[in-house]
Amino acid sequence: MNTAAIIDDVKAVVVETLNVEDRADAIGPSTPLLGSLPELDSMAVLELVYALETRFGIAVDGEDVSAEVFETLTSLTEFVESKLS
């Protein structure tokens, strides 16, 4: 799977999990996530982690979850890619 495909899949998971379909077009690789999307609160982070684990078949440990990972769509994609390799 290439990076472009992964970023599209990560974006789809974010949009579906946060229920922000109406703003999906405004979410790009450098879009700030944590602190910028009101829907992305601590509970939504847990739901998003679970959704990413399910979609990509990865395991995310508690210590893996940080503000840096959820900073932008790109940082979240890079995190998923690191778990896939």
PDB file of N, CA and C in Angstrom:
ATOM      1  N   MET A   1       0.848  -1.180   0.000  1.00  0.00           N
ATOM      2  CA  MET A   1       0.000   0.000   0.000  1.00  0.00           C
ATOM      3  C   MET A   1       0.892   1.241   0.000  1.00  0.00           C
ATOM      4  N   ASN A   2       0.631   2.171  -0.898  1.00  0.00           N
ATOM      5  CA  ASN A   2       1.461   3.380  -0.955  1.00  0.00           C
ATOM      6  C   ASN A   2       0.918   4.474  -0.033  1.00  0.00           C
ATOM      7  N   THR A   3       1.737   5.489   0.186  1.00  0.00           N
ATOM      8  CA  THR A   3       1.380   6.557   1.124  1.00  0.00           C
ATOM      9  C   THR A   3       0.098   7.271   0.732  1.00  0.00           C
ATOM     10  N   ALA A   4      -0.107   7.528  -0.549  1.00  0.00           N
ATOM     11  CA  ALA A   4      -1.322   8.219  -0.994  1.00  0.00           C
ATOM     12  C   ALA A   4      -2.564   7.408  -0.655  1.00  0.00           C
ATOM     13  N   ALA A   5      -2.486   6.107  -0.859  1.00  0.00           N
ATOM     14  CA  ALA A   5      -3.625   5.247  -0.537  1.00  0.00           C
ATOM     15  C   ALA A   5      -3.856   5.198   0.965  1.00  0.00           C
ATOM     16  N   ILE A   6      -2.771   5.155   1.732  1.00  0.00           N
ATOM     17  CA  ILE A   6      -2.907   5.101   3.187  1.00  0.00           C
ATOM     18  C   ILE A   6      -3.493   6.402   3.713  1.00  0.00           C
ATOM     19  N   ILE A   7      -3.027   7.546   3.207  1.00  0.00           N
ATOM     20  CA  ILE A   7      -3.565   8.824   3.694  1.00  0.00           C
ATOM     21  C   ILE A   7      -5.055   8.939   3.359  1.00  0.00           C
ATOM     22  N   ASP A   8      -5.469   8.421   2.198  1.00  0.00           N
ATOM     23  CA  ASP A   8      -6.895   8.429   1.848  1.00  0.00           C
ATOM     24  C   ASP A   8      -7.692   7.553   2.812  1.00  0.00           C
ATOM     25  N   ASP A   9      -7.131   6.387   3.152  1.00  0.00           N
ATOM     26  CA  ASP A   9      -7.817   5.488   4.080  1.00  0.00           C
ATOM     27  C   ASP A   9      -7.867   6.071   5.489  1.00  0.00           C
ATOM     28  N   VAL A  10      -6.766   6.689   5.923  1.00  0.00           N
ATOM     29  CA  VAL A  10      -6.744   7.311   7.249  1.00  0.00           C
ATOM     30  C   VAL A  10      -7.766   8.444   7.297  1.00  0.00           C
ATOM     31  N   LYS A  11      -7.813   9.247   6.244  1.00  0.00           N
ATOM     32  CA  LYS A  11      -8.796  10.338   6.179  1.00  0.00           C
ATOM     33  C   LYS A  11     -10.208   9.776   6.253  1.00  0.00           C
ATOM     34  N   ALA A  12     -10.473   8.701   5.537  1.00  0.00           N
ATOM     35  CA  ALA A  12     -11.807   8.090   5.566  1.00  0.00           C
ATOM     36  C   ALA A  12     -12.168   7.639   6.979  1.00  0.00           C
ATOM     37  N   VAL A  13     -11.203   7.055   7.689  1.00  0.00           N
ATOM     38  CA  VAL A  13     -11.451   6.622   9.066  1.00  0.00           C
ATOM     39  C   VAL A  13     -11.740   7.825   9.960  1.00  0.00           C
ATOM     40  N   VAL A  14     -10.958   8.890   9.801  1.00  0.00           N
ATOM     41  CA  VAL A  14     -11.160  10.108  10.603  1.00  0.00           C
ATOM     42  C   VAL A  14     -12.550  10.684  10.330  1.00  0.00           C
ATOM     43  N   VAL A  15     -12.900  10.824   9.066  1.00  0.00           N
ATOM     44  CA  VAL A  15     -14.185  11.419   8.687  1.00  0.00           C
ATOM     45  C   VAL A  15     -15.347  10.579   9.216  1.00  0.00           C
ATOM     46  N   GLU A  16     -15.261   9.259   9.039  1.00  0.00           N
ATOM     47  CA  GLU A  16     -16.341   8.381   9.500  1.00  0.00           C
ATOM     48  C   GLU A  16     -16.443   8.359  11.024  1.00  0.00           C
ATOM     49  N   THR A  17     -15.295   8.218  11.685  1.00  0.00           N
ATOM     50  CA  THR A  17     -15.296   8.100  13.143  1.00  0.00           C
ATOM     51  C   THR A  17     -15.784   9.377  13.814  1.00  0.00           C
ATOM     52  N   LEU A  18     -15.364  10.514  13.297  1.00  0.00           N
ATOM     53  CA  LEU A  18     -15.749  11.794  13.894  1.00  0.00           C
ATOM     54  C   LEU A  18     -17.068  12.324  13.351  1.00  0.00           C
ATOM     55  N   ASN A  19     -17.602  11.628  12.345  1.00  0.00           N
ATOM     56  CA  ASN A  19     -18.874  12.027  11.742  1.00  0.00           C
ATOM     57  C   ASN A  19     -18.811  13.459  11.206  1.00  0.00           C
ATOM     58  N   VAL A  20     -17.764  13.727  10.417  1.00  0.00           N
ATOM     59  CA  VAL A  20     -17.574  15.067   9.847  1.00  0.00           C
ATOM     60  C   VAL A  20     -17.619  15.019   8.317  1.00  0.00           C
ATOM     61  N   GLU A  21     -18.515  14.194   7.794  1.00  0.00           N
ATOM     62  CA  GLU A  21     -18.644  14.053   6.341  1.00  0.00           C
ATOM     63  C   GLU A  21     -18.870  15.387   5.650  1.00  0.00           C
ATOM     64  N   ASP A  22     -19.583  16.292   6.313  1.00  0.00           N
ATOM     65  CA  ASP A  22     -19.885  17.595   5.724  1.00  0.00           C
ATOM     66  C   ASP A  22     -18.636  18.464   5.561  1.00  0.00           C
ATOM     67  N   ARG A  23     -17.555  18.135   6.265  1.00  0.00           N
ATOM     68  CA  ARG A  23     -16.307  18.900   6.176  1.00  0.00           C
ATOM     69  C   ARG A  23     -15.160  18.085   5.595  1.00  0.00           C
ATOM     70  N   ALA A  24     -15.447  16.931   5.035  1.00  0.00           N
ATOM     71  CA  ALA A  24     -14.400  16.029   4.535  1.00  0.00           C
ATOM     72  C   ALA A  24     -13.517  16.697   3.491  1.00  0.00           C
ATOM     73  N   ASP A  25     -14.096  17.504   2.619  1.00  0.00           N
ATOM     74  CA  ASP A  25     -13.311  18.152   1.561  1.00  0.00           C
ATOM     75  C   ASP A  25     -12.292  19.149   2.116  1.00  0.00           C
ATOM     76  N   ALA A  26     -12.540  19.662   3.309  1.00  0.00           N
ATOM     77  CA  ALA A  26     -11.644  20.642   3.917  1.00  0.00           C
ATOM     78  C   ALA A  26     -10.492  19.993   4.681  1.00  0.00           C
ATOM     79  N   ILE A  27     -10.525  18.663   4.821  1.00  0.00           N
ATOM     80  CA  ILE A  27      -9.486  17.959   5.558  1.00  0.00           C
ATOM     81  C   ILE A  27      -8.434  17.458   4.582  1.00  0.00           C
ATOM     82  N   GLY A  28      -7.238  18.032   4.693  1.00  0.00           N
ATOM     83  CA  GLY A  28      -6.129  17.656   3.821  1.00  0.00           C
ATOM     84  C   GLY A  28      -4.949  17.175   4.647  1.00  0.00           C
ATOM     85  N   PRO A  29      -3.850  16.820   3.987  1.00  0.00           N
ATOM     86  CA  PRO A  29      -2.685  16.281   4.690  1.00  0.00           C
ATOM     87  C   PRO A  29      -2.146  17.164   5.817  1.00  0.00           C
ATOM     88  N   SER A  30      -2.204  18.475   5.649  1.00  0.00           N
ATOM     89  CA  SER A  30      -1.645  19.366   6.673  1.00  0.00           C
ATOM     90  C   SER A  30      -2.708  19.961   7.593  1.00  0.00           C
ATOM     91  N   THR A  31      -3.937  19.494   7.476  1.00  0.00           N
ATOM     92  CA  THR A  31      -5.017  19.999   8.326  1.00  0.00           C
ATOM     93  C   THR A  31      -4.750  19.646   9.785  1.00  0.00           C
ATOM     94  N   PRO A  32      -4.740  20.634  10.671  1.00  0.00           N
ATOM     95  CA  PRO A  32      -4.592  20.337  12.099  1.00  0.00           C
ATOM     96  C   PRO A  32      -5.797  19.525  12.585  1.00  0.00           C
ATOM     97  N   LEU A  33      -5.530  18.523  13.402  1.00  0.00           N
ATOM     98  CA  LEU A  33      -6.610  17.684  13.914  1.00  0.00           C
ATOM     99  C   LEU A  33      -6.854  17.972  15.393  1.00  0.00           C
ATOM    100  N   LEU A  34      -5.966  17.494  16.243  1.00  0.00           N
ATOM    101  CA  LEU A  34      -6.143  17.646  17.682  1.00  0.00           C
ATOM    102  C   LEU A  34      -6.091  19.124  18.056  1.00  0.00           C
ATOM    103  N   GLY A  35      -7.127  19.589  18.718  1.00  0.00           N
ATOM    104  CA  GLY A  35      -7.197  20.991  19.107  1.00  0.00           C
ATOM    105  C   GLY A  35      -7.905  21.864  18.087  1.00  0.00           C
ATOM    106  N   SER A  36      -8.090  21.336  16.870  1.00  0.00           N
ATOM    107  CA  SER A  36      -8.750  22.113  15.824  1.00  0.00           C
ATOM    108  C   SER A  36     -10.119  21.552  15.456  1.00  0.00           C
ATOM    109  N   LEU A  37     -10.271  20.260  15.576  1.00  0.00           N
ATOM    110  CA  LEU A  37     -11.575  19.636  15.321  1.00  0.00           C
ATOM    111  C   LEU A  37     -12.251  19.403  16.665  1.00  0.00           C
ATOM    112  N   PRO A  38     -13.325  20.127  16.955  1.00  0.00           N
ATOM    113  CA  PRO A  38     -13.976  19.978  18.259  1.00  0.00           C
ATOM    114  C   PRO A  38     -14.447  18.549  18.523  1.00  0.00           C
ATOM    115  N   GLU A  39     -14.709  17.805  17.459  1.00  0.00           N
ATOM    116  CA  GLU A  39     -15.173  16.426  17.611  1.00  0.00           C
ATOM    117  C   GLU A  39     -14.069  15.492  18.129  1.00  0.00           C
ATOM    118  N   LEU A  40     -12.812  15.906  17.984  1.00  0.00           N
ATOM    119  CA  LEU A  40     -11.688  15.055  18.375  1.00  0.00           C
ATOM    120  C   LEU A  40     -11.315  15.325  19.830  1.00  0.00           C
ATOM    121  N   ASP A  41     -12.148  14.798  20.724  1.00  0.00           N
ATOM    122  CA  ASP A  41     -11.864  14.895  22.151  1.00  0.00           C
ATOM    123  C   ASP A  41     -11.231  13.583  22.608  1.00  0.00           C
ATOM    124  N   SER A  42     -11.003  13.442  23.899  1.00  0.00           N
ATOM    125  CA  SER A  42     -10.298  12.258  24.401  1.00  0.00           C
ATOM    126  C   SER A  42     -11.049  10.966  24.092  1.00  0.00           C
ATOM    127  N   MET A  43     -12.353  10.983  24.169  1.00  0.00           N
ATOM    128  CA  MET A  43     -13.134   9.782  23.851  1.00  0.00           C
ATOM    129  C   MET A  43     -13.045   9.468  22.364  1.00  0.00           C
ATOM    130  N   ALA A  44     -13.083  10.497  21.533  1.00  0.00           N
ATOM    131  CA  ALA A  44     -12.989  10.291  20.088  1.00  0.00           C
ATOM    132  C   ALA A  44     -11.609   9.766  19.694  1.00  0.00           C
ATOM    133  N   VAL A  45     -10.565  10.158  20.432  1.00  0.00           N
ATOM    134  CA  VAL A  45      -9.228   9.631  20.160  1.00  0.00           C
ATOM    135  C   VAL A  45      -9.237   8.120  20.355  1.00  0.00           C
ATOM    136  N   LEU A  46      -9.856   7.656  21.429  1.00  0.00           N
ATOM    137  CA  LEU A  46      -9.944   6.212  21.672  1.00  0.00           C
ATOM    138  C   LEU A  46     -10.717   5.511  20.564  1.00  0.00           C
ATOM    139  N   GLU A  47     -11.826   6.098  20.157  1.00  0.00           N
ATOM    140  CA  GLU A  47     -12.624   5.517  19.074  1.00  0.00           C
ATOM    141  C   GLU A  47     -11.833   5.503  17.771  1.00  0.00           C
ATOM    142  N   LEU A  48     -11.090   6.561  17.524  1.00  0.00           N
ATOM    143  CA  LEU A  48     -10.284   6.657  16.308  1.00  0.00           C
ATOM    144  C   LEU A  48      -9.162   5.624  16.313  1.00  0.00           C
ATOM    145  N   VAL A  49      -8.510   5.448  17.448  1.00  0.00           N
ATOM    146  CA  VAL A  49      -7.457   4.433  17.564  1.00  0.00           C
ATOM    147  C   VAL A  49      -8.038   3.056  17.264  1.00  0.00           C
ATOM    148  N   TYR A  50      -9.182   2.750  17.852  1.00  0.00           N
ATOM    149  CA  TYR A  50      -9.823   1.454  17.610  1.00  0.00           C
ATOM    150  C   TYR A  50     -10.172   1.284  16.125  1.00  0.00           C
ATOM    151  N   ALA A  51     -10.712   2.330  15.525  1.00  0.00           N
ATOM    152  CA  ALA A  51     -11.085   2.266  14.108  1.00  0.00           C
ATOM    153  C   ALA A  51      -9.855   2.062  13.222  1.00  0.00           C
ATOM    154  N   LEU A  52      -8.748   2.715  13.553  1.00  0.00           N
ATOM    155  CA  LEU A  52      -7.508   2.537  12.789  1.00  0.00           C
ATOM    156  C   LEU A  52      -6.959   1.126  12.964  1.00  0.00           C
ATOM    157  N   GLU A  53      -7.019   0.617  14.186  1.00  0.00           N
ATOM    158  CA  GLU A  53      -6.572  -0.757  14.432  1.00  0.00           C
ATOM    159  C   GLU A  53      -7.385  -1.737  13.599  1.00  0.00           C
ATOM    160  N   THR A  54      -8.671  -1.532  13.560  1.00  0.00           N
ATOM    161  CA  THR A  54      -9.564  -2.416  12.812  1.00  0.00           C
ATOM    162  C   THR A  54      -9.321  -2.302  11.310  1.00  0.00           C
ATOM    163  N   ARG A  55      -9.250  -1.084  10.802  1.00  0.00           N
ATOM    164  CA  ARG A  55      -9.094  -0.861   9.359  1.00  0.00           C
ATOM    165  C   ARG A  55      -7.771  -1.388   8.837  1.00  0.00           C
ATOM    166  N   PHE A  56      -6.696  -1.157   9.598  1.00  0.00           N
ATOM    167  CA  PHE A  56      -5.357  -1.476   9.105  1.00  0.00           C
ATOM    168  C   PHE A  56      -4.762  -2.750   9.705  1.00  0.00           C
ATOM    169  N   GLY A  57      -5.453  -3.370  10.657  1.00  0.00           N
ATOM    170  CA  GLY A  57      -4.931  -4.579  11.276  1.00  0.00           C
ATOM    171  C   GLY A  57      -3.667  -4.326  12.079  1.00  0.00           C
ATOM    172  N   ILE A  58      -3.627  -3.187  12.768  1.00  0.00           N
ATOM    173  CA  ILE A  58      -2.455  -2.821  13.570  1.00  0.00           C
ATOM    174  C   ILE A  58      -2.828  -2.862  15.050  1.00  0.00           C
ATOM    175  N   ALA A  59      -1.816  -2.856  15.895  1.00  0.00           N
ATOM    176  CA  ALA A  59      -2.024  -2.772  17.339  1.00  0.00           C
ATOM    177  C   ALA A  59      -1.389  -1.476  17.828  1.00  0.00           C
ATOM    178  N   VAL A  60      -2.146  -0.706  18.573  1.00  0.00           N
ATOM    179  CA  VAL A  60      -1.660   0.570  19.099  1.00  0.00           C
ATOM    180  C   VAL A  60      -1.612   0.463  20.616  1.00  0.00           C
ATOM    181  N   ASP A  61      -0.426   0.679  21.171  1.00  0.00           N
ATOM    182  CA  ASP A  61      -0.252   0.668  22.618  1.00  0.00           C
ATOM    183  C   ASP A  61      -0.580   2.044  23.175  1.00  0.00           C
ATOM    184  N   GLY A  62      -0.963   2.090  24.431  1.00  0.00           N
ATOM    185  CA  GLY A  62      -1.302   3.355  25.074  1.00  0.00           C
ATOM    186  C   GLY A  62      -0.196   4.382  24.986  1.00  0.00           C
ATOM    187  N   GLU A  63       1.058   3.929  25.131  1.00  0.00           N
ATOM    188  CA  GLU A  63       2.171   4.880  25.088  1.00  0.00           C
ATOM    189  C   GLU A  63       2.432   5.409  23.686  1.00  0.00           C
ATOM    190  N   ASP A  64       1.821   4.776  22.663  1.00  0.00           N
ATOM    191  CA  ASP A  64       1.949   5.257  21.285  1.00  0.00           C
ATOM    192  C   ASP A  64       1.093   6.497  21.020  1.00  0.00           C
ATOM    193  N   VAL A  65       0.069   6.672  21.817  1.00  0.00           N
ATOM    194  CA  VAL A  65      -0.891   7.747  21.586  1.00  0.00           C
ATOM    195  C   VAL A  65      -0.353   9.047  22.194  1.00  0.00           C
ATOM    196  N   SER A  66      -0.141  10.047  21.323  1.00  0.00           N
ATOM    197  CA  SER A  66       0.367  11.336  21.788  1.00  0.00           C
ATOM    198  C   SER A  66      -0.241  12.449  20.949  1.00  0.00           C
ATOM    199  N   ALA A  67      -0.091  13.659  21.436  1.00  0.00           N
ATOM    200  CA  ALA A  67      -0.600  14.815  20.694  1.00  0.00           C
ATOM    201  C   ALA A  67       0.092  14.934  19.338  1.00  0.00           C
ATOM    202  N   GLU A  68       1.377  14.572  19.282  1.00  0.00           N
ATOM    203  CA  GLU A  68       2.122  14.666  18.027  1.00  0.00           C
ATOM    204  C   GLU A  68       1.534  13.743  16.959  1.00  0.00           C
ATOM    205  N   VAL A  69       1.112  12.553  17.371  1.00  0.00           N
ATOM    206  CA  VAL A  69       0.533  11.589  16.419  1.00  0.00           C
ATOM    207  C   VAL A  69      -0.734  12.166  15.798  1.00  0.00           C
ATOM    208  N   PHE A  70      -1.536  12.841  16.597  1.00  0.00           N
ATOM    209  CA  PHE A  70      -2.826  13.364  16.140  1.00  0.00           C
ATOM    210  C   PHE A  70      -2.760  14.830  15.728  1.00  0.00           C
ATOM    211  N   GLU A  71      -1.550  15.338  15.490  1.00  0.00           N
ATOM    212  CA  GLU A  71      -1.389  16.747  15.125  1.00  0.00           C
ATOM    213  C   GLU A  71      -2.027  17.064  13.772  1.00  0.00           C
ATOM    214  N   THR A  72      -1.707  16.280  12.743  1.00  0.00           N
ATOM    215  CA  THR A  72      -2.254  16.496  11.399  1.00  0.00           C
ATOM    216  C   THR A  72      -2.604  15.146  10.783  1.00  0.00           C
ATOM    217  N   LEU A  73      -3.262  15.186   9.657  1.00  0.00           N
ATOM    218  CA  LEU A  73      -3.572  13.960   8.928  1.00  0.00           C
ATOM    219  C   LEU A  73      -2.277  13.272   8.491  1.00  0.00           C
ATOM    220  N   THR A  74      -1.272  14.051   8.113  1.00  0.00           N
ATOM    221  CA  THR A  74       0.016  13.481   7.719  1.00  0.00           C
ATOM    222  C   THR A  74       0.690  12.774   8.885  1.00  0.00           C
ATOM    223  N   SER A  75       0.716  13.399  10.054  1.00  0.00           N
ATOM    224  CA  SER A  75       1.368  12.761  11.207  1.00  0.00           C
ATOM    225  C   SER A  75       0.636  11.488  11.604  1.00  0.00           C
ATOM    226  N   LEU A  76      -0.679  11.485  11.495  1.00  0.00           N
ATOM    227  CA  LEU A  76      -1.456  10.289  11.806  1.00  0.00           C
ATOM    228  C   LEU A  76      -1.180   9.187  10.781  1.00  0.00           C
ATOM    229  N   THR A  77      -1.060   9.574   9.518  1.00  0.00           N
ATOM    230  CA  THR A  77      -0.740   8.617   8.457  1.00  0.00           C
ATOM    231  C   THR A  77       0.656   8.033   8.656  1.00  0.00           C
ATOM    232  N   GLU A  78       1.610   8.876   9.002  1.00  0.00           N
ATOM    233  CA  GLU A  78       2.975   8.392   9.246  1.00  0.00           C
ATOM    234  C   GLU A  78       2.998   7.403  10.400  1.00  0.00           C
ATOM    235  N   PHE A  79       2.186   7.659  11.412  1.00  0.00           N
ATOM    236  CA  PHE A  79       2.088   6.735  12.538  1.00  0.00           C
ATOM    237  C   PHE A  79       1.543   5.389  12.089  1.00  0.00           C
ATOM    238  N   VAL A  80       0.472   5.413  11.298  1.00  0.00           N
ATOM    239  CA  VAL A  80      -0.121   4.169  10.789  1.00  0.00           C
ATOM    240  C   VAL A  80       0.904   3.425   9.943  1.00  0.00           C
ATOM    241  N   GLU A  81       1.598   4.148   9.083  1.00  0.00           N
ATOM    242  CA  GLU A  81       2.627   3.523   8.230  1.00  0.00           C
ATOM    243  C   GLU A  81       3.710   2.859   9.084  1.00  0.00           C
ATOM    244  N   SER A  82       4.103   3.507  10.183  1.00  0.00           N
ATOM    245  CA  SER A  82       5.134   2.917  11.047  1.00  0.00           C
ATOM    246  C   SER A  82       4.644   1.626  11.693  1.00  0.00           C
ATOM    247  N   LYS A  83       3.356   1.555  11.964  1.00  0.00           N
ATOM    248  CA  LYS A  83       2.773   0.342  12.549  1.00  0.00           C
ATOM    249  C   LYS A  83       2.619  -0.764  11.513  1.00  0.00           C
ATOM    250  N   LEU A  84       2.471  -0.382  10.248  1.00  0.00           N
ATOM    251  CA  LEU A  84       2.317  -1.375   9.186  1.00  0.00           C
ATOM    252  C   LEU A  84       3.638  -2.031   8.809  1.00  0.00           C
ATOM    253  N   SER A  85       4.760  -1.341   9.071  1.00  0.00           N
ATOM    254  CA  SER A  85       6.051  -1.900   8.653  1.00  0.00           C
ATOM    255  C   SER A  85       6.697  -2.752   9.721  1.00  0.00           C
TER     256      SER A  85
END
